[in-house]
Protein backbone atom coordinates (compact mmCIF):
# COMPACT_ATOMS: atom_id res chain seq x y z
CA UNK A 1 0.00 0.00 0.00
CA UNK A 2 2.83 2.40 0.88
CA UNK A 3 4.54 1.70 -2.48
CA UNK A 4 1.32 2.36 -4.33
CA UNK A 5 0.75 5.64 -2.44
CA UNK A 6 4.34 6.74 -3.07
CA UNK A 7 4.03 5.89 -6.78
CA UNK A 8 0.77 7.81 -7.04
CA UNK A 9 2.30 10.86 -5.32
CA UNK A 10 5.35 10.82 -7.59
CA UNK A 11 3.20 10.43 -10.69
CA UNK A 12 0.92 13.31 -9.71
CA UNK A 13 3.94 15.55 -9.03
CA UNK A 14 5.46 14.74 -12.42
CA UNK A 15 2.21 15.36 -14.25
CA UNK A 16 1.73 18.77 -12.66
CA UNK A 17 5.21 20.07 -13.51
CA UNK A 18 5.22 22.72 -16.22
CA UNK A 19 6.80 21.90 -19.55
CA UNK A 20 10.34 23.23 -19.81
CA UNK A 21 10.77 22.73 -23.55
CA UNK A 22 9.98 25.58 -25.90
CA UNK A 23 10.12 26.35 -29.60
CA UNK A 24 13.34 28.21 -30.41
CA UNK A 25 13.19 28.35 -34.21
CA UNK A 26 12.13 31.14 -36.54
CA UNK A 27 8.83 32.75 -35.74
CA UNK A 28 6.43 35.35 -36.98
CA UNK A 29 7.64 38.07 -34.57
CA UNK A 30 9.85 40.20 -36.79
CA UNK A 31 11.23 43.27 -35.06
CA UNK A 32 9.43 46.54 -35.63
CA UNK A 33 11.83 48.99 -37.23
CA UNK A 34 9.79 52.24 -37.36
CA UNK A 35 8.96 54.38 -34.32
CA UNK A 36 5.43 55.05 -35.62
CA UNK A 37 4.69 51.31 -35.78
CA UNK A 38 5.51 50.82 -32.09
CA UNK A 39 2.55 52.94 -30.99
CA UNK A 40 0.04 50.21 -31.92
CA UNK A 41 2.21 47.17 -31.21
CA UNK A 42 1.45 44.43 -28.71
CA UNK A 43 3.32 44.17 -25.42
CA UNK A 44 6.70 42.39 -25.71
CA UNK A 45 6.93 42.84 -29.50
CA UNK A 46 10.62 43.03 -30.48
CA UNK A 47 11.90 46.32 -31.91
CA UNK A 48 15.05 47.40 -33.73
CA UNK A 49 14.98 51.15 -34.32
CA UNK A 50 17.61 53.24 -36.11
CA UNK A 51 17.51 56.98 -35.63
CA UNK A 52 18.38 59.61 -33.04
CA UNK A 53 17.93 60.15 -29.31
CA UNK A 54 16.80 63.76 -29.35
CA UNK A 55 16.01 64.49 -25.72
CA UNK A 56 16.54 63.16 -22.22
CA UNK A 57 13.24 62.94 -20.33
CA UNK A 58 14.90 61.99 -17.01
CA UNK A 59 14.76 58.76 -15.03
CA UNK A 60 16.41 56.66 -17.80
CA UNK A 61 13.80 57.80 -20.36
CA UNK A 62 14.61 59.40 -23.72
CA UNK A 63 12.75 60.64 -26.77
CA UNK A 64 13.76 58.71 -29.90
CA UNK A 65 13.07 59.97 -33.42
CA UNK A 66 13.34 58.36 -36.83
CA UNK A 67 11.82 59.27 -40.21
CA UNK A 68 8.42 57.90 -39.16
CA UNK A 69 7.99 59.76 -35.86
CA UNK A 70 8.89 59.74 -32.18
CA UNK A 71 8.57 57.29 -29.31
CA UNK A 72 9.66 57.23 -25.68
CA UNK A 73 12.38 54.71 -24.87
CA UNK A 74 13.80 53.51 -21.57
CA UNK A 75 17.55 52.87 -21.48
CA UNK A 76 19.04 51.48 -18.29
CA UNK A 77 22.12 53.44 -17.20
CA UNK A 78 24.21 50.25 -17.30
CA UNK A 79 23.70 49.97 -21.08
CA UNK A 80 25.59 53.16 -21.88
CA UNK A 81 29.01 51.45 -21.39
CA UNK A 82 30.81 54.81 -21.29
CA UNK A 83 29.53 55.89 -24.70
CA UNK A 84 28.23 59.35 -25.41
CA UNK A 85 25.65 60.41 -27.96
CA UNK A 86 24.03 63.66 -28.98
CA UNK A 87 21.03 64.43 -31.16
CA UNK A 88 23.21 64.09 -34.31
CA UNK A 89 24.45 60.59 -33.44
CA UNK A 90 22.72 57.77 -35.29
CA UNK A 91 21.99 54.82 -33.01
CA UNK A 92 20.31 51.46 -33.39
CA UNK A 93 18.24 50.48 -30.36
CA UNK A 94 17.13 46.89 -29.79
CA UNK A 95 14.49 45.98 -27.26
CA UNK A 96 10.78 45.35 -26.90
CA UNK A 97 7.47 47.14 -26.57
CA UNK A 98 6.38 47.76 -23.00
CA UNK A 99 2.65 48.52 -22.90
CA UNK A 100 2.16 50.26 -19.55
CA UNK A 101 -0.88 51.94 -18.07
CA UNK A 102 0.67 55.31 -18.96
CA UNK A 103 1.13 54.33 -22.63
CA UNK A 104 3.56 52.62 -24.96
CA UNK A 105 7.24 52.75 -24.08
CA UNK A 106 10.15 50.86 -25.60
CA UNK A 107 12.41 49.04 -23.15
CA UNK A 108 15.89 48.94 -24.67
CA UNK A 109 18.22 45.95 -24.22
CA UNK A 110 21.07 47.01 -26.54
CA UNK A 111 22.47 50.25 -27.99
CA UNK A 112 24.63 50.25 -31.12
CA UNK A 113 26.42 53.45 -32.05
CA UNK A 114 26.23 54.04 -35.80
CA UNK A 115 28.30 57.26 -35.98
CA UNK A 116 27.94 61.03 -36.07
CA UNK A 117 26.24 62.90 -38.88
CA UNK A 118 27.24 66.54 -38.96
C-alpha atoms as a PDB file:
ATOM      1  CA  UNK A   1       0.000   0.000   0.000  1.00  0.00           C
ATOM      2  CA  UNK A   2       2.833   2.397   0.877  1.00  0.00           C
ATOM      3  CA  UNK A   3       4.542   1.701  -2.478  1.00  0.00           C
ATOM      4  CA  UNK A   4       1.315   2.362  -4.331  1.00  0.00           C
ATOM      5  CA  UNK A   5       0.750   5.637  -2.444  1.00  0.00           C
ATOM      6  CA  UNK A   6       4.341   6.737  -3.074  1.00  0.00           C
ATOM      7  CA  UNK A   7       4.028   5.892  -6.782  1.00  0.00           C
ATOM      8  CA  UNK A   8       0.774   7.814  -7.041  1.00  0.00           C
ATOM      9  CA  UNK A   9       2.300  10.864  -5.321  1.00  0.00           C
ATOM     10  CA  UNK A  10       5.352  10.818  -7.588  1.00  0.00           C
ATOM     11  CA  UNK A  11       3.201  10.432 -10.690  1.00  0.00           C
ATOM     12  CA  UNK A  12       0.920  13.308  -9.705  1.00  0.00           C
ATOM     13  CA  UNK A  13       3.938  15.546  -9.027  1.00  0.00           C
ATOM     14  CA  UNK A  14       5.465  14.744 -12.415  1.00  0.00           C
ATOM     15  CA  UNK A  15       2.212  15.355 -14.255  1.00  0.00           C
ATOM     16  CA  UNK A  16       1.727  18.766 -12.659  1.00  0.00           C
ATOM     17  CA  UNK A  17       5.213  20.067 -13.511  1.00  0.00           C
ATOM     18  CA  UNK A  18       5.222  22.724 -16.218  1.00  0.00           C
ATOM     19  CA  UNK A  19       6.804  21.897 -19.551  1.00  0.00           C
ATOM     20  CA  UNK A  20      10.338  23.226 -19.809  1.00  0.00           C
ATOM     21  CA  UNK A  21      10.765  22.730 -23.547  1.00  0.00           C
ATOM     22  CA  UNK A  22       9.977  25.583 -25.896  1.00  0.00           C
ATOM     23  CA  UNK A  23      10.120  26.345 -29.599  1.00  0.00           C
ATOM     24  CA  UNK A  24      13.343  28.208 -30.412  1.00  0.00           C
ATOM     25  CA  UNK A  25      13.194  28.352 -34.211  1.00  0.00           C
ATOM     26  CA  UNK A  26      12.131  31.144 -36.545  1.00  0.00           C
ATOM     27  CA  UNK A  27       8.833  32.746 -35.737  1.00  0.00           C
ATOM     28  CA  UNK A  28       6.428  35.350 -36.977  1.00  0.00           C
ATOM     29  CA  UNK A  29       7.643  38.073 -34.574  1.00  0.00           C
ATOM     30  CA  UNK A  30       9.846  40.200 -36.789  1.00  0.00           C
ATOM     31  CA  UNK A  31      11.233  43.269 -35.061  1.00  0.00           C
ATOM     32  CA  UNK A  32       9.435  46.542 -35.632  1.00  0.00           C
ATOM     33  CA  UNK A  33      11.832  48.993 -37.228  1.00  0.00           C
ATOM     34  CA  UNK A  34       9.792  52.238 -37.357  1.00  0.00           C
ATOM     35  CA  UNK A  35       8.960  54.379 -34.324  1.00  0.00           C
ATOM     36  CA  UNK A  36       5.434  55.050 -35.615  1.00  0.00           C
ATOM     37  CA  UNK A  37       4.693  51.314 -35.781  1.00  0.00           C
ATOM     38  CA  UNK A  38       5.513  50.822 -32.092  1.00  0.00           C
ATOM     39  CA  UNK A  39       2.547  52.937 -30.992  1.00  0.00           C
ATOM     40  CA  UNK A  40       0.036  50.213 -31.921  1.00  0.00           C
ATOM     41  CA  UNK A  41       2.211  47.172 -31.208  1.00  0.00           C
ATOM     42  CA  UNK A  42       1.455  44.432 -28.707  1.00  0.00           C
ATOM     43  CA  UNK A  43       3.324  44.170 -25.416  1.00  0.00           C
ATOM     44  CA  UNK A  44       6.701  42.385 -25.709  1.00  0.00           C
ATOM     45  CA  UNK A  45       6.928  42.835 -29.500  1.00  0.00           C
ATOM     46  CA  UNK A  46      10.616  43.030 -30.482  1.00  0.00           C
ATOM     47  CA  UNK A  47      11.900  46.322 -31.908  1.00  0.00           C
ATOM     48  CA  UNK A  48      15.055  47.395 -33.730  1.00  0.00           C
ATOM     49  CA  UNK A  49      14.976  51.147 -34.321  1.00  0.00           C
ATOM     50  CA  UNK A  50      17.607  53.237 -36.105  1.00  0.00           C
ATOM     51  CA  UNK A  51      17.508  56.981 -35.630  1.00  0.00           C
ATOM     52  CA  UNK A  52      18.381  59.609 -33.039  1.00  0.00           C
ATOM     53  CA  UNK A  53      17.932  60.154 -29.313  1.00  0.00           C
ATOM     54  CA  UNK A  54      16.802  63.760 -29.353  1.00  0.00           C
ATOM     55  CA  UNK A  55      16.006  64.487 -25.725  1.00  0.00           C
ATOM     56  CA  UNK A  56      16.539  63.162 -22.220  1.00  0.00           C
ATOM     57  CA  UNK A  57      13.244  62.939 -20.326  1.00  0.00           C
ATOM     58  CA  UNK A  58      14.899  61.992 -17.010  1.00  0.00           C
ATOM     59  CA  UNK A  59      14.755  58.756 -15.026  1.00  0.00           C
ATOM     60  CA  UNK A  60      16.407  56.662 -17.803  1.00  0.00           C
ATOM     61  CA  UNK A  61      13.797  57.801 -20.355  1.00  0.00           C
ATOM     62  CA  UNK A  62      14.605  59.401 -23.718  1.00  0.00           C
ATOM     63  CA  UNK A  63      12.745  60.639 -26.773  1.00  0.00           C
ATOM     64  CA  UNK A  64      13.758  58.712 -29.903  1.00  0.00           C
ATOM     65  CA  UNK A  65      13.074  59.966 -33.424  1.00  0.00           C
ATOM     66  CA  UNK A  66      13.338  58.362 -36.829  1.00  0.00           C
ATOM     67  CA  UNK A  67      11.819  59.272 -40.215  1.00  0.00           C
ATOM     68  CA  UNK A  68       8.420  57.902 -39.160  1.00  0.00           C
ATOM     69  CA  UNK A  69       7.990  59.756 -35.858  1.00  0.00           C
ATOM     70  CA  UNK A  70       8.886  59.742 -32.184  1.00  0.00           C
ATOM     71  CA  UNK A  71       8.565  57.293 -29.309  1.00  0.00           C
ATOM     72  CA  UNK A  72       9.664  57.234 -25.677  1.00  0.00           C
ATOM     73  CA  UNK A  73      12.377  54.714 -24.869  1.00  0.00           C
ATOM     74  CA  UNK A  74      13.798  53.513 -21.569  1.00  0.00           C
ATOM     75  CA  UNK A  75      17.549  52.868 -21.484  1.00  0.00           C
ATOM     76  CA  UNK A  76      19.036  51.480 -18.289  1.00  0.00           C
ATOM     77  CA  UNK A  77      22.117  53.440 -17.201  1.00  0.00           C
ATOM     78  CA  UNK A  78      24.206  50.245 -17.298  1.00  0.00           C
ATOM     79  CA  UNK A  79      23.703  49.965 -21.085  1.00  0.00           C
ATOM     80  CA  UNK A  80      25.588  53.160 -21.882  1.00  0.00           C
ATOM     81  CA  UNK A  81      29.009  51.454 -21.393  1.00  0.00           C
ATOM     82  CA  UNK A  82      30.807  54.809 -21.286  1.00  0.00           C
ATOM     83  CA  UNK A  83      29.527  55.887 -24.702  1.00  0.00           C
ATOM     84  CA  UNK A  84      28.227  59.354 -25.409  1.00  0.00           C
ATOM     85  CA  UNK A  85      25.651  60.410 -27.955  1.00  0.00           C
ATOM     86  CA  UNK A  86      24.033  63.664 -28.978  1.00  0.00           C
ATOM     87  CA  UNK A  87      21.029  64.433 -31.158  1.00  0.00           C
ATOM     88  CA  UNK A  88      23.213  64.092 -34.306  1.00  0.00           C
ATOM     89  CA  UNK A  89      24.452  60.588 -33.439  1.00  0.00           C
ATOM     90  CA  UNK A  90      22.724  57.772 -35.287  1.00  0.00           C
ATOM     91  CA  UNK A  91      21.993  54.815 -33.015  1.00  0.00           C
ATOM     92  CA  UNK A  92      20.309  51.457 -33.385  1.00  0.00           C
ATOM     93  CA  UNK A  93      18.240  50.484 -30.363  1.00  0.00           C
ATOM     94  CA  UNK A  94      17.133  46.886 -29.794  1.00  0.00           C
ATOM     95  CA  UNK A  95      14.488  45.983 -27.258  1.00  0.00           C
ATOM     96  CA  UNK A  96      10.780  45.352 -26.899  1.00  0.00           C
ATOM     97  CA  UNK A  97       7.474  47.143 -26.570  1.00  0.00           C
ATOM     98  CA  UNK A  98       6.379  47.756 -22.998  1.00  0.00           C
ATOM     99  CA  UNK A  99       2.647  48.516 -22.901  1.00  0.00           C
ATOM    100  CA  UNK A 100       2.164  50.257 -19.553  1.00  0.00           C
ATOM    101  CA  UNK A 101      -0.881  51.939 -18.066  1.00  0.00           C
ATOM    102  CA  UNK A 102       0.667  55.309 -18.962  1.00  0.00           C
ATOM    103  CA  UNK A 103       1.131  54.326 -22.626  1.00  0.00           C
ATOM    104  CA  UNK A 104       3.562  52.617 -24.964  1.00  0.00           C
ATOM    105  CA  UNK A 105       7.238  52.746 -24.076  1.00  0.00           C
ATOM    106  CA  UNK A 106      10.149  50.858 -25.598  1.00  0.00           C
ATOM    107  CA  UNK A 107      12.410  49.040 -23.148  1.00  0.00           C
ATOM    108  CA  UNK A 108      15.893  48.943 -24.666  1.00  0.00           C
ATOM    109  CA  UNK A 109      18.218  45.954 -24.216  1.00  0.00           C
ATOM    110  CA  UNK A 110      21.066  47.011 -26.542  1.00  0.00           C
ATOM    111  CA  UNK A 111      22.471  50.246 -27.991  1.00  0.00           C
ATOM    112  CA  UNK A 112      24.626  50.246 -31.125  1.00  0.00           C
ATOM    113  CA  UNK A 113      26.420  53.450 -32.045  1.00  0.00           C
ATOM    114  CA  UNK A 114      26.234  54.042 -35.799  1.00  0.00           C
ATOM    115  CA  UNK A 115      28.298  57.257 -35.977  1.00  0.00           C
ATOM    116  CA  UNK A 116      27.943  61.031 -36.072  1.00  0.00           C
ATOM    117  CA  UNK A 117      26.245  62.901 -38.881  1.00  0.00           C
ATOM    118  CA  UNK A 118      27.239  66.544 -38.958  1.00  0.00           C
END
